[in-house]
């Protein structure tokens, strides 16, 4: 019953009672007085029953105060979605009591726009819409005009001066059929992807309990902590160069996650490959990849953010490691499958390019082992994180003789920062390094983030990066293969 219908019913009953009282005052007959008194008592009993019924209704007001973990409160607004419903089996029969108005779903904001049921067990359907966008300026000033890869190919290095929409994402999530069966879809569009829209992630998940869950679908391969964390929470405009060089990508598979103890986490995966997003099934080999990640937060939940925006009174630390094994098959010696077109030598040469390891020879089959160690810490505005990467490329198979039997690549990054003005302005620095048989490269970066509103959901970023030879081609970060120069980035980021 809506508040309007409840108020109308109460008004009618009180009006009837007042009219009856007036009649009682004008009638001197004792018999009539007794009859009127009885009618008043019956009406009072009916009114009391109505009050009790109204009190028993859930308090689905338009808003309520919801306490947070720090003892504060936030006003959560809910817009009821109302429909007609029969309380008793005979209420819809002719002559039966009127239908009752029951609020079955409501809309609110909870880190996204949500349509949510009041009773998930009775109505197990929820949907949430969220998203975020990065509008960015890239300005690159080169120190060299060209670069030559290990296969002998020379390519130009261009100066750049451009605006772009780097990540414009829409997320749809919720649960259906059963509150334990959740879903997630993430779409991405950006200008360096020819303005096309990609389905980055989509999966169903079953929650066995509060600690254990299994995912079926397309997700990130859990092989690097910096990679697993969202790109909207990076310390500078984008991830470190070393993180992007070594990280895996997304793949379709089965993912299982569980808590370990009070503050530990473990996730394992079996999927199509090391990095198979947007790769059609015809270009994927018959080998499966395996990955796992594990971390421990000794001082309590670290969360998914690196900087200390909240100016933590208590120390937070995370220690973790990750592992990936991804064998890559080929059609025939010298004929790689598109799935393997992702790894580069440390000078930037594609591993499967003709002549990458030997003149006239093409590598087509290999196994990848990646192991990473990660650390993060924050306290009272200070924050620091680092990750070390080790990658072995073994069991090489090519169209001819190779000068090496295997390849070992390693690298790391370290970055830190401090909030000069809590929840408003922080300053960050970074160093990143990549090393291997075919060269060593690094980057230096520094920048700041400004939060103009009282939320971390709106952020302005400016940073400067000195690139001393890039081993990767990453349009997302604005660092392209062979770059040797200075990159300026300015970014507006908003999320809801």
Protein backbone atom coordinates (compact mmCIF):
# COMPACT_ATOMS: atom_id res chain seq x y z
CA UNK A 1 0.00 0.00 0.00
CA UNK A 2 1.47 3.36 -1.01
CA UNK A 3 1.71 6.27 1.42
CA UNK A 4 -1.06 8.09 -0.49
CA UNK A 5 -3.55 5.22 -0.23
CA UNK A 6 -2.66 4.71 3.45
CA UNK A 7 -3.27 8.38 4.24
CA UNK A 8 -6.58 8.36 2.35
CA UNK A 9 -7.81 5.33 4.31
CA UNK A 10 -6.93 6.91 7.65
CA UNK A 11 -8.68 10.16 6.69
CA UNK A 12 -11.87 8.36 5.69
CA UNK A 13 -11.98 6.38 8.93
CA UNK A 14 -11.42 9.46 11.07
CA UNK A 15 -14.07 11.36 9.09
CA UNK A 16 -16.56 8.59 9.72
CA UNK A 17 -15.72 8.60 13.41
CA UNK A 18 -16.24 12.37 13.69
CA UNK A 19 -19.56 12.18 11.86
CA UNK A 20 -20.68 9.41 14.18
CA UNK A 21 -19.65 11.48 17.21
CA UNK A 22 -21.80 14.37 15.96
CA UNK A 23 -24.80 12.05 15.58
CA UNK A 24 -24.21 10.73 19.08
CA UNK A 25 -24.24 14.27 20.49
CA UNK A 26 -27.63 15.04 18.84
CA UNK A 27 -29.44 11.79 19.85
CA UNK A 28 -30.81 11.51 23.39
CA UNK A 29 -32.15 7.94 23.12
CA UNK A 30 -30.26 5.46 25.29
CA UNK A 31 -30.76 2.64 22.78
CA UNK A 32 -29.44 4.71 19.96
CA UNK A 33 -26.52 5.84 22.15
CA UNK A 34 -25.57 2.23 22.86
CA UNK A 35 -25.77 1.37 19.18
CA UNK A 36 -23.64 4.33 18.19
CA UNK A 37 -21.13 3.55 20.93
CA UNK A 38 -20.84 0.00 19.63
CA UNK A 39 -20.32 1.28 16.09
CA UNK A 40 -17.60 3.64 17.32
CA UNK A 41 -15.84 0.85 19.17
CA UNK A 42 -15.98 -1.33 16.06
CA UNK A 43 -14.58 1.50 13.97
CA UNK A 44 -11.85 2.14 16.55
CA UNK A 45 -10.94 -1.55 16.43
CA UNK A 46 -10.85 -1.42 12.63
CA UNK A 47 -8.69 1.70 12.81
CA UNK A 48 -6.30 0.03 15.26
CA UNK A 49 -6.07 -3.03 13.03
CA UNK A 50 -5.24 -0.78 10.09
CA UNK A 51 -2.54 0.95 12.12
CA UNK A 52 -1.01 -2.39 13.05
CA UNK A 53 -1.10 -3.49 9.44
CA UNK A 54 0.61 -0.30 8.32
CA UNK A 55 3.24 -0.68 11.04
CA UNK A 56 3.92 -4.21 9.86
CA UNK A 57 4.70 -2.99 6.32
CA UNK A 58 8.44 -2.74 5.52
CA UNK A 59 9.74 0.79 5.88
CA UNK A 60 10.57 1.28 2.22
CA UNK A 61 10.91 5.04 2.42
CA UNK A 62 12.38 7.15 -0.32
CA UNK A 63 15.65 7.41 1.54
CA UNK A 64 17.42 6.17 4.62
CA UNK A 65 20.72 6.64 6.43
CA UNK A 66 23.24 3.86 5.85
CA UNK A 67 26.28 3.71 8.12
CA UNK A 68 29.73 3.17 6.68
CA UNK A 69 32.66 1.25 8.14
CA UNK A 70 34.09 4.36 9.80
CA UNK A 71 30.96 5.10 11.82
CA UNK A 72 29.77 7.86 9.50
CA UNK A 73 26.59 7.85 7.50
CA UNK A 74 25.42 8.42 3.97
CA UNK A 75 21.90 9.22 2.78
CA UNK A 76 20.86 6.60 0.25
CA UNK A 77 17.93 7.57 -1.98
CA UNK A 78 15.55 4.91 -3.23
CA UNK A 79 12.81 5.35 -5.81
CA UNK A 80 10.15 2.65 -5.32
CA UNK A 81 8.81 0.72 -8.28
CA UNK A 82 5.19 -0.15 -7.33
CA UNK A 83 2.74 -2.66 -8.76
CA UNK A 84 -0.60 -4.29 -7.79
CA UNK A 85 -0.43 -7.53 -5.86
CA UNK A 86 -3.01 -9.71 -4.06
CA UNK A 87 -2.28 -10.56 -0.43
CA UNK A 88 -4.94 -13.32 -0.10
CA UNK A 89 -6.17 -15.94 -2.61
CA UNK A 90 -9.67 -14.44 -2.77
CA UNK A 91 -8.65 -10.81 -3.06
CA UNK A 92 -8.98 -10.84 -6.81
CA UNK A 93 -12.45 -12.45 -6.81
CA UNK A 94 -15.49 -10.33 -7.47
CA UNK A 95 -16.54 -8.57 -4.31
CA UNK A 96 -13.26 -9.27 -2.57
CA UNK A 97 -11.13 -6.66 -0.83
CA UNK A 98 -9.18 -4.20 -2.99
CA UNK A 99 -5.70 -5.00 -4.22
CA UNK A 100 -2.76 -3.88 -2.14
CA UNK A 101 0.17 -1.84 -3.52
CA UNK A 102 3.46 -3.60 -2.80
CA UNK A 103 6.96 -2.27 -3.59
CA UNK A 104 8.77 -5.15 -5.30
CA UNK A 105 11.82 -3.34 -6.76
CA UNK A 106 13.44 0.01 -6.20
CA UNK A 107 16.09 2.09 -7.91
CA UNK A 108 19.06 3.65 -6.17
CA UNK A 109 22.71 4.56 -6.66
CA UNK A 110 25.29 2.11 -5.31
CA UNK A 111 28.56 2.65 -7.23
CA UNK A 112 26.31 2.65 -10.28
CA UNK A 113 22.61 3.02 -11.17
CA UNK A 114 20.79 -0.03 -9.75
CA UNK A 115 17.39 -1.66 -10.06
CA UNK A 116 17.25 -3.91 -7.01
CA UNK A 117 14.59 -6.12 -5.36
CA UNK A 118 13.47 -5.59 -1.77
CA UNK A 119 13.40 -9.36 -1.32
CA UNK A 120 16.18 -11.08 -3.34
CA UNK A 121 15.01 -14.54 -2.35
CA UNK A 122 11.52 -13.92 -3.70
CA UNK A 123 12.58 -11.80 -6.69
CA UNK A 124 16.18 -12.78 -7.57
CA UNK A 125 16.89 -10.23 -10.31
CA UNK A 126 19.16 -7.19 -10.11
CA UNK A 127 20.84 -5.01 -12.70
CA UNK A 128 23.43 -2.24 -12.27
CA UNK A 129 24.77 0.23 -14.83
CA UNK A 130 28.13 1.91 -14.33
CA UNK A 131 30.96 3.26 -16.38
CA UNK A 132 34.01 5.48 -16.66
CA UNK A 133 35.85 7.50 -19.24
CA UNK A 134 39.37 8.84 -19.78
CA UNK A 135 39.78 11.88 -22.00
CA UNK A 136 43.50 12.33 -22.61
CA UNK A 137 46.07 14.57 -24.25
CA UNK A 138 49.31 12.98 -25.50
CA UNK A 139 52.30 15.04 -26.50
CA UNK A 140 55.50 13.20 -27.49
CA UNK A 141 58.84 14.78 -28.40
CA UNK A 142 61.31 12.36 -29.99
CA UNK A 143 65.06 12.18 -29.45
CA UNK A 144 65.60 9.86 -32.45
CA UNK A 145 64.11 9.86 -35.93
CA UNK A 146 63.90 6.08 -36.33
CA UNK A 147 64.62 2.71 -34.75
CA UNK A 148 65.83 -0.59 -36.19
CA UNK A 149 64.60 -3.92 -34.82
CA UNK A 150 66.59 -7.14 -34.52
CA UNK A 151 65.20 -8.36 -37.85
CA UNK A 152 66.88 -5.41 -39.57
CA UNK A 153 63.73 -3.40 -40.30
CA UNK A 154 63.98 0.36 -39.77
CA UNK A 155 60.86 2.29 -38.82
CA UNK A 156 60.29 6.01 -38.26
CA UNK A 157 59.57 7.57 -34.84
CA UNK A 158 57.02 10.38 -35.05
CA UNK A 159 56.39 13.35 -32.82
CA UNK A 160 52.80 13.28 -31.54
CA UNK A 161 50.34 15.93 -30.46
CA UNK A 162 46.80 14.63 -30.02
CA UNK A 163 43.61 14.38 -27.99
CA UNK A 164 41.91 11.03 -27.55
CA UNK A 165 39.26 9.11 -25.67
CA UNK A 166 41.37 6.30 -24.26
CA UNK A 167 38.87 4.30 -22.25
CA UNK A 168 35.14 4.89 -22.55
CA UNK A 169 33.55 1.97 -20.76
CA UNK A 170 30.07 0.80 -19.89
CA UNK A 171 29.58 -1.91 -17.27
CA UNK A 172 26.43 -3.96 -16.69
CA UNK A 173 26.29 -6.30 -13.72
CA UNK A 174 23.92 -7.94 -11.25
CA UNK A 175 22.41 -11.34 -10.60
CA UNK A 176 19.61 -13.43 -12.09
CA UNK A 177 17.63 -16.60 -11.38
CA UNK A 178 19.37 -16.97 -8.01
CA UNK A 179 21.16 -14.33 -5.86
CA UNK A 180 24.24 -16.56 -6.01
CA UNK A 181 24.37 -16.43 -9.83
CA UNK A 182 25.90 -13.12 -10.89
CA UNK A 183 26.89 -11.69 -14.27
CA UNK A 184 29.19 -8.96 -15.59
CA UNK A 185 29.60 -7.32 -19.00
CA UNK A 186 32.12 -4.59 -19.83
CA UNK A 187 32.22 -2.79 -23.17
CA UNK A 188 35.03 -0.48 -24.24
CA UNK A 189 35.36 2.10 -26.97
CA UNK A 190 38.35 4.33 -27.69
CA UNK A 191 39.63 6.45 -30.53
CA UNK A 192 42.87 4.50 -30.99
CA UNK A 193 40.77 1.37 -31.61
CA UNK A 194 39.19 2.85 -34.78
CA UNK A 195 36.20 3.94 -32.66
CA UNK A 196 34.98 0.34 -32.48
CA UNK A 197 33.37 -1.13 -29.36
CA UNK A 198 34.97 -4.23 -27.82
CA UNK A 199 33.40 -6.61 -25.32
CA UNK A 200 36.32 -6.70 -22.90
CA UNK A 201 34.81 -8.87 -20.18
CA UNK A 202 31.70 -11.00 -19.92
CA UNK A 203 31.11 -13.81 -17.49
CA UNK A 204 28.69 -15.63 -15.23
CA UNK A 205 29.75 -16.50 -11.68
CA UNK A 206 28.38 -18.85 -9.04
CA UNK A 207 29.00 -17.98 -5.40
CA UNK A 208 29.26 -21.11 -3.27
CA UNK A 209 29.59 -19.02 -0.09
CA UNK A 210 31.03 -15.70 1.02
CA UNK A 211 34.57 -16.98 0.42
CA UNK A 212 34.42 -19.05 -2.76
CA UNK A 213 33.29 -18.27 -6.30
CA UNK A 214 33.72 -19.71 -9.80
CA UNK A 215 33.61 -17.62 -13.01
CA UNK A 216 32.78 -18.84 -16.52
CA UNK A 217 33.61 -16.52 -19.40
CA UNK A 218 36.13 -13.91 -20.48
CA UNK A 219 38.32 -12.25 -17.84
CA UNK A 220 41.85 -11.03 -17.21
CA UNK A 221 44.50 -13.74 -16.99
CA UNK A 222 45.62 -13.41 -13.32
CA UNK A 223 49.36 -13.15 -13.99
CA UNK A 224 50.36 -9.73 -12.66
CA UNK A 225 49.06 -7.62 -9.77
CA UNK A 226 49.31 -4.30 -11.62
CA UNK A 227 47.41 -5.88 -14.51
CA UNK A 228 44.63 -7.30 -12.32
CA UNK A 229 43.99 -3.91 -10.69
CA UNK A 230 41.75 -1.62 -12.73
CA UNK A 231 43.38 0.91 -15.08
CA UNK A 232 41.24 3.64 -13.51
CA UNK A 233 43.23 3.26 -10.26
CA UNK A 234 46.74 3.57 -11.69
CA UNK A 235 49.07 6.00 -9.93
CA UNK A 236 49.81 8.03 -13.07
CA UNK A 237 47.82 8.28 -16.31
CA UNK A 238 48.52 4.63 -17.15
CA UNK A 239 50.45 1.53 -16.09
CA UNK A 240 54.28 1.31 -15.95
CA UNK A 241 56.10 0.30 -19.13
CA UNK A 242 57.45 -2.91 -17.53
CA UNK A 243 53.96 -3.94 -16.41
CA UNK A 244 52.60 -3.58 -19.94
CA UNK A 245 55.56 -5.40 -21.49
CA UNK A 246 55.28 -8.53 -19.33
CA UNK A 247 51.59 -8.71 -18.48
CA UNK A 248 49.24 -11.27 -20.02
CA UNK A 249 45.86 -10.24 -21.41
CA UNK A 250 42.32 -11.56 -21.33
CA UNK A 251 41.09 -15.02 -22.26
CA UNK A 252 38.01 -17.23 -22.13
CA UNK A 253 38.07 -19.96 -19.52
CA UNK A 254 37.15 -21.11 -16.03
CA UNK A 255 38.32 -19.06 -13.06
CA UNK A 256 38.07 -20.06 -9.40
CA UNK A 257 38.61 -17.68 -6.47
CA UNK A 258 38.69 -18.24 -2.73
CA UNK A 259 39.69 -16.43 0.43
CA UNK A 260 42.67 -17.86 2.28
CA UNK A 261 42.46 -17.29 6.00
CA UNK A 262 41.32 -13.90 7.25
CA UNK A 263 43.24 -11.65 4.83
CA UNK A 264 44.42 -13.91 2.01
CA UNK A 265 43.18 -14.53 -1.52
CA UNK A 266 43.85 -17.16 -4.19
CA UNK A 267 42.64 -17.34 -7.79
CA UNK A 268 43.38 -19.96 -10.45
CA UNK A 269 42.48 -20.20 -14.13
CA UNK A 270 42.44 -22.59 -17.05
CA UNK A 271 41.78 -20.84 -20.34
CA UNK A 272 42.49 -20.51 -24.04
CA UNK A 273 45.78 -18.64 -23.86
CA UNK A 274 48.14 -15.99 -22.53
CA UNK A 275 46.46 -13.15 -24.40
CA UNK A 276 43.57 -14.11 -26.67
CA UNK A 277 41.15 -11.17 -26.40
CA UNK A 278 39.47 -10.41 -29.72
CA UNK A 279 41.13 -13.48 -31.26
CA UNK A 280 38.63 -15.64 -33.22
CA UNK A 281 38.54 -19.39 -32.46
CA UNK A 282 40.10 -20.17 -35.85
CA UNK A 283 43.27 -18.33 -34.77
CA UNK A 284 43.60 -20.04 -31.36
CA UNK A 285 45.74 -23.16 -30.99
CA UNK A 286 44.83 -26.43 -29.25
CA UNK A 287 46.88 -25.65 -26.11
CA UNK A 288 45.38 -24.36 -22.86
CA UNK A 289 46.98 -21.85 -20.52
CA UNK A 290 47.14 -22.05 -16.72
CA UNK A 291 47.48 -19.13 -14.31
CA UNK A 292 47.22 -18.43 -10.59
CA UNK A 293 47.64 -15.49 -8.26
CA UNK A 294 47.84 -15.24 -4.49
CA UNK A 295 48.22 -12.38 -2.01
CA UNK A 296 48.16 -11.71 1.72
CA UNK A 297 47.21 -8.48 3.50
CA UNK A 298 48.93 -8.70 6.92
CA UNK A 299 47.33 -5.51 8.34
CA UNK A 300 43.80 -5.93 6.99
CA UNK A 301 42.13 -5.58 3.60
CA UNK A 302 44.31 -3.50 1.27
CA UNK A 303 41.59 -3.02 -1.36
CA UNK A 304 41.98 -2.35 -5.05
CA UNK A 305 43.53 1.13 -4.96
CA UNK A 306 47.23 2.05 -4.79
CA UNK A 307 47.29 5.64 -3.53
CA UNK A 308 46.20 6.63 -0.01
CA UNK A 309 43.33 8.95 -0.89
CA UNK A 310 41.58 8.24 2.43
CA UNK A 311 44.71 9.10 4.46
CA UNK A 312 44.67 5.76 6.30
CA UNK A 313 45.17 5.92 10.06
CA UNK A 314 46.11 2.22 10.00
CA UNK A 315 48.89 0.73 7.91
CA UNK A 316 47.90 -1.33 4.88
CA UNK A 317 50.22 -3.77 3.11
CA UNK A 318 49.92 -6.40 0.40
CA UNK A 319 52.38 -9.18 -0.46
CA UNK A 320 51.67 -11.34 -3.48
CA UNK A 321 52.89 -13.42 -6.39
CA UNK A 322 51.47 -14.77 -9.66
CA UNK A 323 52.29 -17.46 -12.21
CA UNK A 324 51.32 -18.22 -15.83
CA UNK A 325 52.13 -21.20 -18.05
CA UNK A 326 51.04 -20.80 -21.68
CA UNK A 327 52.21 -23.24 -24.40
CA UNK A 328 51.83 -21.99 -27.98
CA UNK A 329 51.45 -24.37 -30.91
CA UNK A 330 51.74 -23.59 -34.64
CA UNK A 331 50.23 -24.72 -37.90
CA UNK A 332 53.65 -25.95 -39.08
CA UNK A 333 57.26 -24.86 -38.51
CA UNK A 334 57.51 -21.23 -39.54
CA UNK A 335 53.73 -20.71 -39.58
CA UNK A 336 52.65 -19.20 -36.25
CA UNK A 337 49.02 -18.88 -35.19
CA UNK A 338 47.73 -15.38 -34.47
CA UNK A 339 47.42 -16.25 -30.77
CA UNK A 340 51.21 -16.14 -30.45
CA UNK A 341 51.49 -12.61 -31.89
CA UNK A 342 51.90 -10.91 -28.52
CA UNK A 343 55.45 -11.32 -27.15
CA UNK A 344 58.37 -9.11 -28.17
CA UNK A 345 62.10 -9.16 -27.66
CA UNK A 346 63.42 -6.52 -25.28
CA UNK A 347 64.41 -4.31 -28.24
CA UNK A 348 60.78 -4.26 -29.43
CA UNK A 349 61.00 -6.88 -32.21
CA UNK A 350 57.98 -9.19 -32.46
CA UNK A 351 59.06 -12.67 -31.42
CA UNK A 352 57.30 -14.28 -34.39
CA UNK A 353 58.53 -11.74 -36.96
CA UNK A 354 60.60 -13.10 -39.86
CA UNK A 355 64.28 -12.79 -38.91
CA UNK A 356 63.61 -11.83 -35.28
CA UNK A 357 66.09 -14.43 -33.95
CA UNK A 358 67.96 -15.40 -37.11
CA UNK A 359 68.04 -14.11 -40.73
CA UNK A 360 65.28 -15.69 -42.83
CA UNK A 361 63.98 -17.77 -39.89
CA UNK A 362 60.55 -17.42 -38.26
CA UNK A 363 59.77 -18.68 -34.76
CA UNK A 364 56.35 -20.31 -34.62
CA UNK A 365 56.09 -22.44 -31.48
CA UNK A 366 57.18 -21.84 -27.88
CA UNK A 367 56.15 -22.08 -24.24
CA UNK A 368 55.84 -19.08 -21.92
CA UNK A 369 56.43 -19.14 -18.17
CA UNK A 370 55.81 -15.93 -16.24
CA UNK A 371 56.39 -15.45 -12.52
CA UNK A 372 55.88 -12.16 -10.69
CA UNK A 373 56.37 -10.86 -7.15
CA UNK A 374 54.47 -7.80 -5.93
CA UNK A 375 54.40 -5.52 -2.90
CA UNK A 376 52.23 -2.53 -1.94
CA UNK A 377 52.02 -0.31 1.15
CA UNK A 378 50.15 2.83 2.22
CA UNK A 379 49.76 4.85 5.42
CA UNK A 380 48.89 8.45 6.32
CA UNK A 381 48.95 9.73 2.76
CA UNK A 382 52.12 7.85 1.77
CA UNK A 383 51.97 4.93 -0.64
CA UNK A 384 54.40 2.65 -2.45
CA UNK A 385 54.13 -0.36 -4.76
CA UNK A 386 56.49 -2.46 -6.85
CA UNK A 387 56.48 -5.61 -8.95
CA UNK A 388 59.27 -7.84 -10.29
CA UNK A 389 58.82 -9.89 -13.49
CA UNK A 390 60.59 -13.00 -14.71
CA UNK A 391 59.62 -14.56 -18.06
CA UNK A 392 61.08 -17.69 -19.65
CA UNK A 393 60.40 -18.50 -23.32
CA UNK A 394 61.33 -22.12 -23.94
CA UNK A 395 60.87 -25.07 -26.32
CA UNK A 396 61.48 -22.86 -29.35
CA UNK A 397 60.44 -24.27 -32.74
CA UNK A 398 61.15 -22.40 -35.96
CA UNK A 399 61.56 -22.79 -39.70
CA UNK A 400 65.35 -23.02 -39.36
CA UNK A 401 68.26 -23.07 -36.95
CA UNK A 402 68.21 -20.62 -34.04
CA UNK A 403 71.16 -19.06 -32.22
CA UNK A 404 69.48 -19.56 -28.81
CA UNK A 405 67.67 -22.46 -27.17
CA UNK A 406 65.57 -20.30 -24.87
CA UNK A 407 65.06 -16.68 -23.85
CA UNK A 408 64.97 -15.11 -20.42
CA UNK A 409 63.52 -11.64 -19.85
CA UNK A 410 63.11 -9.81 -16.59
CA UNK A 411 62.23 -6.37 -15.27
CA UNK A 412 60.54 -4.40 -12.57
CA UNK A 413 58.95 -1.13 -11.63
CA UNK A 414 58.83 0.85 -8.39
CA UNK A 415 56.58 3.81 -7.74
CA UNK A 416 55.42 5.89 -4.81
CA UNK A 417 53.57 9.02 -3.86
CA UNK A 418 52.19 11.29 -1.15
CA UNK A 419 48.99 13.31 -0.73
CA UNK A 420 50.18 16.89 -0.33
CA UNK A 421 46.56 17.89 0.37
CA UNK A 422 44.47 14.97 1.71
CA UNK A 423 41.74 13.89 -0.72
CA UNK A 424 42.71 16.71 -3.10
CA UNK A 425 46.26 16.61 -4.47
CA UNK A 426 48.89 13.88 -4.61
CA UNK A 427 52.33 13.71 -6.22
CA UNK A 428 53.80 10.48 -7.66
CA UNK A 429 57.07 9.20 -9.14
CA UNK A 430 57.94 6.01 -11.02
CA UNK A 431 60.88 4.04 -12.40
CA UNK A 432 60.48 1.08 -14.74
CA UNK A 433 63.09 -1.27 -16.25
CA UNK A 434 63.09 -4.12 -18.80
CA UNK A 435 66.10 -6.33 -19.56
CA UNK A 436 66.91 -9.28 -21.81
CA UNK A 437 69.38 -10.79 -24.26
CA UNK A 438 68.42 -8.22 -26.92
CA UNK A 439 68.67 -5.02 -24.92
CA UNK A 440 67.87 -3.06 -21.77
CA UNK A 441 65.42 -0.14 -21.62
CA UNK A 442 63.86 1.99 -18.90
CA UNK A 443 61.57 4.91 -18.13
CA UNK A 444 61.34 7.68 -15.53
CA UNK A 445 58.02 9.36 -14.74
CA UNK A 446 56.52 11.91 -12.36
CA UNK A 447 53.16 13.57 -12.09
CA UNK A 448 50.24 14.58 -9.92
CA UNK A 449 46.51 13.93 -9.53
CA UNK A 450 43.96 16.57 -8.55
CA UNK A 451 40.48 15.71 -7.22
CA UNK A 452 38.30 18.82 -7.71
CA UNK A 453 35.23 17.39 -5.97
CA UNK A 454 34.88 15.57 -2.66
CA UNK A 455 35.23 12.18 -4.33
CA UNK A 456 37.89 10.10 -6.02
CA UNK A 457 35.45 9.42 -8.87
CA UNK A 458 36.55 12.61 -10.63
CA UNK A 459 40.28 13.02 -11.25
CA UNK A 460 42.60 15.24 -13.26
CA UNK A 461 46.08 13.86 -14.01
CA UNK A 462 49.23 15.33 -15.50
CA UNK A 463 52.52 13.43 -15.85
CA UNK A 464 55.81 13.49 -17.73
CA UNK A 465 57.65 10.31 -18.79
CA UNK A 466 61.21 10.00 -20.10
CA UNK A 467 61.32 6.88 -22.30
CA UNK A 468 64.73 5.45 -23.12
CA UNK A 469 63.73 2.98 -25.79
CA UNK A 470 60.34 1.27 -25.71
CA UNK A 471 60.10 -2.54 -26.13
CA UNK A 472 56.32 -2.48 -26.54
CA UNK A 473 53.69 -0.89 -28.74
CA UNK A 474 50.93 0.20 -26.39
CA UNK A 475 48.44 2.73 -27.69
CA UNK A 476 46.61 2.61 -24.33
CA UNK A 477 49.53 4.20 -22.48
CA UNK A 478 50.70 6.32 -25.40
CA UNK A 479 54.13 4.61 -25.44
CA UNK A 480 54.91 3.14 -28.87
CA UNK A 481 57.59 0.68 -29.88
CA UNK A 482 60.99 2.29 -30.40
CA UNK A 483 60.08 5.49 -28.57
CA UNK A 484 63.08 7.40 -27.27
CA UNK A 485 62.03 10.79 -25.96
CA UNK A 486 59.66 12.60 -23.60
CA UNK A 487 55.93 11.90 -23.28
CA UNK A 488 53.53 14.47 -21.76
CA UNK A 489 50.07 13.28 -20.73
CA UNK A 490 47.08 15.18 -19.35
CA UNK A 491 43.94 13.27 -18.46
CA UNK A 492 40.37 13.86 -17.29
CA UNK A 493 38.81 10.78 -15.69
CA UNK A 494 35.27 10.36 -14.38
CA UNK A 495 33.44 7.26 -13.19
CA UNK A 496 30.01 6.43 -11.89
